[in-house]
Amino acid sequence: SADQGKPKALTMIKEKYGYKTMVMVGDGATDAQAKPPADAFVGFGGVVARAAVKEKACWFVHDFETMIDIVNKNSN
């Protein structure tokens, strides 16, 4: 992914569809760059746990079930 490409893409999606809240999930540095415009970033370490991603994540998970629990606990 291009440097800063994901923030640009998320900004376009938010503007085009009028989303108020957006959460980015990813396992790499370019994924972490997407906050902002994403309101939150969930780091994923199911394959490789990268320290830089973990440091920037609002939450860090190692499996999909934990991510579902986080979403359910933080949804309105």
PDB file of N, CA and C in Angstrom:
ATOM      1  N   SER A   1       0.840  -1.189   0.000  1.00  0.00           N
ATOM      2  CA  SER A   1       0.000   0.000   0.000  1.00  0.00           C
ATOM      3  C   SER A   1       0.881   1.246   0.000  1.00  0.00           C
ATOM      4  N   ALA A   2       0.447   2.246  -0.707  1.00  0.00           N
ATOM      5  CA  ALA A   2       1.184   3.507  -0.756  1.00  0.00           C
ATOM      6  C   ALA A   2       1.151   4.202   0.597  1.00  0.00           C
ATOM      7  N   ASP A   3       2.241   4.861   0.931  1.00  0.00           N
ATOM      8  CA  ASP A   3       2.286   5.626   2.176  1.00  0.00           C
ATOM      9  C   ASP A   3       1.159   6.657   2.177  1.00  0.00           C
ATOM     10  N   GLN A   4       0.382   6.664   3.226  1.00  0.00           N
ATOM     11  CA  GLN A   4      -0.773   7.559   3.421  1.00  0.00           C
ATOM     12  C   GLN A   4      -1.931   7.256   2.457  1.00  0.00           C
ATOM     13  N   GLY A   5      -1.856   6.149   1.740  1.00  0.00           N
ATOM     14  CA  GLY A   5      -2.942   5.787   0.820  1.00  0.00           C
ATOM     15  C   GLY A   5      -4.217   5.396   1.534  1.00  0.00           C
ATOM     16  N   LYS A   6      -4.097   4.684   2.646  1.00  0.00           N
ATOM     17  CA  LYS A   6      -5.292   4.248   3.370  1.00  0.00           C
ATOM     18  C   LYS A   6      -6.029   5.410   4.023  1.00  0.00           C
ATOM     19  N   PRO A   7      -5.335   6.374   4.633  1.00  0.00           N
ATOM     20  CA  PRO A   7      -6.071   7.526   5.148  1.00  0.00           C
ATOM     21  C   PRO A   7      -6.842   8.271   4.052  1.00  0.00           C
ATOM     22  N   LYS A   8      -6.225   8.397   2.882  1.00  0.00           N
ATOM     23  CA  LYS A   8      -6.911   9.057   1.767  1.00  0.00           C
ATOM     24  C   LYS A   8      -8.148   8.276   1.353  1.00  0.00           C
ATOM     25  N   ALA A   9      -8.010   6.950   1.267  1.00  0.00           N
ATOM     26  CA  ALA A   9      -9.147   6.115   0.871  1.00  0.00           C
ATOM     27  C   ALA A   9     -10.272   6.192   1.902  1.00  0.00           C
ATOM     28  N   LEU A  10      -9.937   6.132   3.197  1.00  0.00           N
ATOM     29  CA  LEU A  10     -10.971   6.208   4.224  1.00  0.00           C
ATOM     30  C   LEU A  10     -11.660   7.566   4.233  1.00  0.00           C
ATOM     31  N   THR A  11     -10.905   8.627   4.002  1.00  0.00           N
ATOM     32  CA  THR A  11     -11.504   9.959   3.928  1.00  0.00           C
ATOM     33  C   THR A  11     -12.513  10.019   2.796  1.00  0.00           C
ATOM     34  N   MET A  12     -12.150   9.487   1.638  1.00  0.00           N
ATOM     35  CA  MET A  12     -13.068   9.476   0.500  1.00  0.00           C
ATOM     36  C   MET A  12     -14.329   8.670   0.811  1.00  0.00           C
ATOM     37  N   ILE A  13     -14.168   7.523   1.455  1.00  0.00           N
ATOM     38  CA  ILE A  13     -15.324   6.685   1.802  1.00  0.00           C
ATOM     39  C   ILE A  13     -16.232   7.394   2.797  1.00  0.00           C
ATOM     40  N   LYS A  14     -15.641   8.010   3.833  1.00  0.00           N
ATOM     41  CA  LYS A  14     -16.441   8.742   4.828  1.00  0.00           C
ATOM     42  C   LYS A  14     -17.232   9.870   4.175  1.00  0.00           C
ATOM     43  N   GLU A  15     -16.566  10.616   3.306  1.00  0.00           N
ATOM     44  CA  GLU A  15     -17.235  11.748   2.652  1.00  0.00           C
ATOM     45  C   GLU A  15     -18.314  11.277   1.679  1.00  0.00           C
ATOM     46  N   LYS A  16     -18.026  10.256   0.907  1.00  0.00           N
ATOM     47  CA  LYS A  16     -18.968   9.784  -0.107  1.00  0.00           C
ATOM     48  C   LYS A  16     -20.222   9.191   0.512  1.00  0.00           C
ATOM     49  N   TYR A  17     -20.065   8.415   1.586  1.00  0.00           N
ATOM     50  CA  TYR A  17     -21.207   7.701   2.164  1.00  0.00           C
ATOM     51  C   TYR A  17     -21.731   8.320   3.456  1.00  0.00           C
ATOM     52  N   GLY A  18     -21.071   9.352   3.951  1.00  0.00           N
ATOM     53  CA  GLY A  18     -21.546  10.048   5.138  1.00  0.00           C
ATOM     54  C   GLY A  18     -21.390   9.288   6.440  1.00  0.00           C
ATOM     55  N   TYR A  19     -20.436   8.349   6.485  1.00  0.00           N
ATOM     56  CA  TYR A  19     -20.224   7.598   7.727  1.00  0.00           C
ATOM     57  C   TYR A  19     -19.742   8.519   8.834  1.00  0.00           C
ATOM     58  N   LYS A  20     -20.289   8.349  10.008  1.00  0.00           N
ATOM     59  CA  LYS A  20     -19.880   9.149  11.164  1.00  0.00           C
ATOM     60  C   LYS A  20     -18.730   8.467  11.913  1.00  0.00           C
ATOM     61  N   THR A  21     -18.766   7.151  11.979  1.00  0.00           N
ATOM     62  CA  THR A  21     -17.763   6.396  12.720  1.00  0.00           C
ATOM     63  C   THR A  21     -17.160   5.328  11.816  1.00  0.00           C
ATOM     64  N   MET A  22     -15.842   5.229  11.840  1.00  0.00           N
ATOM     65  CA  MET A  22     -15.155   4.234  11.033  1.00  0.00           C
ATOM     66  C   MET A  22     -14.026   3.643  11.867  1.00  0.00           C
ATOM     67  N   VAL A  23     -13.899   2.317  11.802  1.00  0.00           N
ATOM     68  CA  VAL A  23     -12.849   1.609  12.518  1.00  0.00           C
ATOM     69  C   VAL A  23     -11.988   0.878  11.498  1.00  0.00           C
ATOM     70  N   MET A  24     -10.688   1.020  11.628  1.00  0.00           N
ATOM     71  CA  MET A  24      -9.739   0.334  10.754  1.00  0.00           C
ATOM     72  C   MET A  24      -9.168  -0.853  11.498  1.00  0.00           C
ATOM     73  N   VAL A  25      -9.059  -1.983  10.812  1.00  0.00           N
ATOM     74  CA  VAL A  25      -8.441  -3.184  11.366  1.00  0.00           C
ATOM     75  C   VAL A  25      -7.269  -3.545  10.465  1.00  0.00           C
ATOM     76  N   GLY A  26      -6.126  -3.818  11.051  1.00  0.00           N
ATOM     77  CA  GLY A  26      -4.993  -4.196  10.228  1.00  0.00           C
ATOM     78  C   GLY A  26      -3.807  -4.674  11.020  1.00  0.00           C
ATOM     79  N   ASP A  27      -2.808  -5.165  10.276  1.00  0.00           N
ATOM     80  CA  ASP A  27      -1.627  -5.737  10.916  1.00  0.00           C
ATOM     81  C   ASP A  27      -0.322  -5.046  10.539  1.00  0.00           C
ATOM     82  N   GLY A  28      -0.420  -3.938   9.811  1.00  0.00           N
ATOM     83  CA  GLY A  28       0.799  -3.281   9.355  1.00  0.00           C
ATOM     84  C   GLY A  28       0.816  -1.787   9.605  1.00  0.00           C
ATOM     85  N   ALA A  29       1.972  -1.196   9.325  1.00  0.00           N
ATOM     86  CA  ALA A  29       2.175   0.235   9.576  1.00  0.00           C
ATOM     87  C   ALA A  29       1.232   1.104   8.749  1.00  0.00           C
ATOM     88  N   THR A  30       0.986   0.726   7.489  1.00  0.00           N
ATOM     89  CA  THR A  30       0.091   1.555   6.680  1.00  0.00           C
ATOM     90  C   THR A  30      -1.351   1.452   7.158  1.00  0.00           C
ATOM     91  N   ASP A  31      -1.708   0.338   7.802  1.00  0.00           N
ATOM     92  CA  ASP A  31      -3.045   0.227   8.393  1.00  0.00           C
ATOM     93  C   ASP A  31      -3.171   1.179   9.579  1.00  0.00           C
ATOM     94  N   ALA A  32      -2.133   1.238  10.395  1.00  0.00           N
ATOM     95  CA  ALA A  32      -2.151   2.115  11.572  1.00  0.00           C
ATOM     96  C   ALA A  32      -2.217   3.588  11.179  1.00  0.00           C
ATOM     97  N   GLN A  33      -1.700   3.938   9.991  1.00  0.00           N
ATOM     98  CA  GLN A  33      -1.748   5.327   9.529  1.00  0.00           C
ATOM     99  C   GLN A  33      -3.178   5.800   9.278  1.00  0.00           C
ATOM    100  N   ALA A  34      -4.111   4.890   9.175  1.00  0.00           N
ATOM    101  CA  ALA A  34      -5.487   5.246   8.828  1.00  0.00           C
ATOM    102  C   ALA A  34      -6.267   5.856   9.985  1.00  0.00           C
ATOM    103  N   LYS A  35      -5.660   6.013  11.145  1.00  0.00           N
ATOM    104  CA  LYS A  35      -6.296   6.695  12.283  1.00  0.00           C
ATOM    105  C   LYS A  35      -5.527   7.961  12.584  1.00  0.00           C
ATOM    106  N   PRO A  36      -6.087   9.113  12.391  1.00  0.00           N
ATOM    107  CA  PRO A  36      -7.314   9.399  11.654  1.00  0.00           C
ATOM    108  C   PRO A  36      -7.096   9.275  10.155  1.00  0.00           C
ATOM    109  N   PRO A  37      -8.136   9.209   9.396  1.00  0.00           N
ATOM    110  CA  PRO A  37      -9.528   9.554   9.603  1.00  0.00           C
ATOM    111  C   PRO A  37     -10.370   8.494  10.311  1.00  0.00           C
ATOM    112  N   ALA A  38      -9.881   7.249  10.387  1.00  0.00           N
ATOM    113  CA  ALA A  38     -10.641   6.262  11.170  1.00  0.00           C
ATOM    114  C   ALA A  38     -10.707   6.749  12.610  1.00  0.00           C
ATOM    115  N   ASP A  39     -11.808   6.446  13.264  1.00  0.00           N
ATOM    116  CA  ASP A  39     -11.992   6.884  14.643  1.00  0.00           C
ATOM    117  C   ASP A  39     -11.275   5.978  15.630  1.00  0.00           C
ATOM    118  N   ALA A  40     -10.997   4.759  15.203  1.00  0.00           N
ATOM    119  CA  ALA A  40     -10.287   3.792  16.045  1.00  0.00           C
ATOM    120  C   ALA A  40      -9.501   2.850  15.147  1.00  0.00           C
ATOM    121  N   PHE A  41      -8.457   2.272  15.707  1.00  0.00           N
ATOM    122  CA  PHE A  41      -7.642   1.308  14.987  1.00  0.00           C
ATOM    123  C   PHE A  41      -7.480   0.070  15.845  1.00  0.00           C
ATOM    124  N   VAL A  42      -7.863  -1.082  15.290  1.00  0.00           N
ATOM    125  CA  VAL A  42      -7.685  -2.369  15.947  1.00  0.00           C
ATOM    126  C   VAL A  42      -6.499  -3.048  15.278  1.00  0.00           C
ATOM    127  N   GLY A  43      -5.434  -3.237  16.031  1.00  0.00           N
ATOM    128  CA  GLY A  43      -4.275  -3.946  15.512  1.00  0.00           C
ATOM    129  C   GLY A  43      -4.515  -5.437  15.585  1.00  0.00           C
ATOM    130  N   PHE A  44      -4.086  -6.155  14.554  1.00  0.00           N
ATOM    131  CA  PHE A  44      -4.282  -7.604  14.502  1.00  0.00           C
ATOM    132  C   PHE A  44      -2.918  -8.282  14.478  1.00  0.00           C
ATOM    133  N   GLY A  45      -2.715  -9.180  15.421  1.00  0.00           N
ATOM    134  CA  GLY A  45      -1.454  -9.906  15.504  1.00  0.00           C
ATOM    135  C   GLY A  45      -1.630 -11.400  15.404  1.00  0.00           C
ATOM    136  N   GLY A  46      -2.617 -11.835  14.630  1.00  0.00           N
ATOM    137  CA  GLY A  46      -2.887 -13.270  14.498  1.00  0.00           C
ATOM    138  C   GLY A  46      -1.783 -14.027  13.803  1.00  0.00           C
ATOM    139  N   VAL A  47      -1.063 -13.377  12.912  1.00  0.00           N
ATOM    140  CA  VAL A  47       0.038 -14.026  12.198  1.00  0.00           C
ATOM    141  C   VAL A  47       1.367 -13.542  12.751  1.00  0.00           C
ATOM    142  N   VAL A  48       1.535 -12.207  12.770  1.00  0.00           N
ATOM    143  CA  VAL A  48       2.749 -11.589  13.304  1.00  0.00           C
ATOM    144  C   VAL A  48       2.332 -10.405  14.166  1.00  0.00           C
ATOM    145  N   ALA A  49       2.821 -10.354  15.390  1.00  0.00           N
ATOM    146  CA  ALA A  49       2.532  -9.225  16.276  1.00  0.00           C
ATOM    147  C   ALA A  49       3.660  -8.213  16.138  1.00  0.00           C
ATOM    148  N   ARG A  50       3.377  -7.106  15.469  1.00  0.00           N
ATOM    149  CA  ARG A  50       4.380  -6.061  15.254  1.00  0.00           C
ATOM    150  C   ARG A  50       4.271  -5.002  16.353  1.00  0.00           C
ATOM    151  N   ALA A  51       5.379  -4.714  16.990  1.00  0.00           N
ATOM    152  CA  ALA A  51       5.390  -3.760  18.113  1.00  0.00           C
ATOM    153  C   ALA A  51       4.862  -2.392  17.701  1.00  0.00           C
ATOM    154  N   ALA A  52       5.232  -1.912  16.524  1.00  0.00           N
ATOM    155  CA  ALA A  52       4.790  -0.586  16.073  1.00  0.00           C
ATOM    156  C   ALA A  52       3.281  -0.536  15.886  1.00  0.00           C
ATOM    157  N   VAL A  53       2.693  -1.631  15.419  1.00  0.00           N
ATOM    158  CA  VAL A  53       1.239  -1.692  15.241  1.00  0.00           C
ATOM    159  C   VAL A  53       0.560  -1.744  16.604  1.00  0.00           C
ATOM    160  N   LYS A  54       1.085  -2.572  17.485  1.00  0.00           N
ATOM    161  CA  LYS A  54       0.523  -2.707  18.835  1.00  0.00           C
ATOM    162  C   LYS A  54       0.547  -1.366  19.568  1.00  0.00           C
ATOM    163  N   GLU A  55       1.621  -0.619  19.388  1.00  0.00           N
ATOM    164  CA  GLU A  55       1.786   0.679  20.051  1.00  0.00           C
ATOM    165  C   GLU A  55       0.740   1.703  19.589  1.00  0.00           C
ATOM    166  N   LYS A  56       0.366   1.657  18.318  1.00  0.00           N
ATOM    167  CA  LYS A  56      -0.567   2.640  17.762  1.00  0.00           C
ATOM    168  C   LYS A  56      -2.031   2.213  17.862  1.00  0.00           C
ATOM    169  N   ALA A  57      -2.274   0.963  18.225  1.00  0.00           N
ATOM    170  CA  ALA A  57      -3.631   0.428  18.238  1.00  0.00           C
ATOM    171  C   ALA A  57      -4.425   0.880  19.465  1.00  0.00           C
ATOM    172  N   CYS A  58      -5.709   1.129  19.242  1.00  0.00           N
ATOM    173  CA  CYS A  58      -6.625   1.379  20.358  1.00  0.00           C
ATOM    174  C   CYS A  58      -6.858   0.070  21.113  1.00  0.00           C
ATOM    175  N   TRP A  59      -6.929  -1.011  20.360  1.00  0.00           N
ATOM    176  CA  TRP A  59      -7.018  -2.373  20.884  1.00  0.00           C
ATOM    177  C   TRP A  59      -6.102  -3.230  20.036  1.00  0.00           C
ATOM    178  N   PHE A  60      -5.565  -4.285  20.610  1.00  0.00           N
ATOM    179  CA  PHE A  60      -4.730  -5.219  19.859  1.00  0.00           C
ATOM    180  C   PHE A  60      -5.250  -6.616  20.118  1.00  0.00           C
ATOM    181  N   VAL A  61      -5.534  -7.342  19.056  1.00  0.00           N
ATOM    182  CA  VAL A  61      -6.106  -8.679  19.179  1.00  0.00           C
ATOM    183  C   VAL A  61      -5.252  -9.690  18.422  1.00  0.00           C
ATOM    184  N   HIS A  62      -5.421 -10.951  18.828  1.00  0.00           N
ATOM    185  CA  HIS A  62      -4.704 -12.042  18.165  1.00  0.00           C
ATOM    186  C   HIS A  62      -5.658 -12.982  17.433  1.00  0.00           C
ATOM    187  N   ASP A  63      -6.956 -12.747  17.592  1.00  0.00           N
ATOM    188  CA  ASP A  63      -7.930 -13.613  16.930  1.00  0.00           C
ATOM    189  C   ASP A  63      -9.225 -12.851  16.670  1.00  0.00           C
ATOM    190  N   PHE A  64      -9.999 -13.373  15.737  1.00  0.00           N
ATOM    191  CA  PHE A  64     -11.233 -12.726  15.301  1.00  0.00           C
ATOM    192  C   PHE A  64     -12.287 -12.685  16.403  1.00  0.00           C
ATOM    193  N   GLU A  65     -12.347 -13.723  17.237  1.00  0.00           N
ATOM    194  CA  GLU A  65     -13.348 -13.768  18.310  1.00  0.00           C
ATOM    195  C   GLU A  65     -13.165 -12.618  19.301  1.00  0.00           C
ATOM    196  N   THR A  66     -11.919 -12.305  19.635  1.00  0.00           N
ATOM    197  CA  THR A  66     -11.650 -11.185  20.541  1.00  0.00           C
ATOM    198  C   THR A  66     -12.077  -9.869  19.912  1.00  0.00           C
ATOM    199  N   MET A  67     -11.847  -9.730  18.602  1.00  0.00           N
ATOM    200  CA  MET A  67     -12.267  -8.509  17.914  1.00  0.00           C
ATOM    201  C   MET A  67     -13.788  -8.368  17.960  1.00  0.00           C
ATOM    202  N   ILE A  68     -14.515  -9.450  17.761  1.00  0.00           N
ATOM    203  CA  ILE A  68     -15.981  -9.412  17.839  1.00  0.00           C
ATOM    204  C   ILE A  68     -16.414  -8.971  19.233  1.00  0.00           C
ATOM    205  N   ASP A  69     -15.765  -9.491  20.267  1.00  0.00           N
ATOM    206  CA  ASP A  69     -16.096  -9.092  21.641  1.00  0.00           C
ATOM    207  C   ASP A  69     -15.889  -7.587  21.841  1.00  0.00           C
ATOM    208  N   ILE A  70     -14.798  -7.050  21.317  1.00  0.00           N
ATOM    209  CA  ILE A  70     -14.520  -5.612  21.442  1.00  0.00           C
ATOM    210  C   ILE A  70     -15.610  -4.804  20.750  1.00  0.00           C
ATOM    211  N   VAL A  71     -15.976  -5.202  19.550  1.00  0.00           N
ATOM    212  CA  VAL A  71     -17.017  -4.489  18.806  1.00  0.00           C
ATOM    213  C   VAL A  71     -18.338  -4.534  19.567  1.00  0.00           C
ATOM    214  N   ASN A  72     -18.706  -5.692  20.055  1.00  0.00           N
ATOM    215  CA  ASN A  72     -19.977  -5.831  20.779  1.00  0.00           C
ATOM    216  C   ASN A  72     -19.991  -5.006  22.059  1.00  0.00           C
ATOM    217  N   LYS A  73     -18.878  -4.930  22.770  1.00  0.00           N
ATOM    218  CA  LYS A  73     -18.810  -4.174  24.018  1.00  0.00           C
ATOM    219  C   LYS A  73     -18.814  -2.665  23.799  1.00  0.00           C
ATOM    220  N   ASN A  74     -18.384  -2.225  22.604  1.00  0.00           N
ATOM    221  CA  ASN A  74     -18.256  -0.797  22.345  1.00  0.00           C
ATOM    222  C   ASN A  74     -19.280  -0.258  21.369  1.00  0.00           C
ATOM    223  N   SER A  75     -20.251  -1.064  21.006  1.00  0.00           N
ATOM    224  CA  SER A  75     -21.316  -0.617  20.104  1.00  0.00           C
ATOM    225  C   SER A  75     -22.445   0.012  20.912  1.00  0.00           C
ATOM    226  N   ASN A  76     -23.094   0.971  20.295  1.00  0.00           N
ATOM    227  CA  ASN A  76     -24.230   1.620  20.972  1.00  0.00           C
ATOM    228  C   ASN A  76     -25.484   0.834  20.738  1.00  0.00           C
TER     229      ASN A  76
END
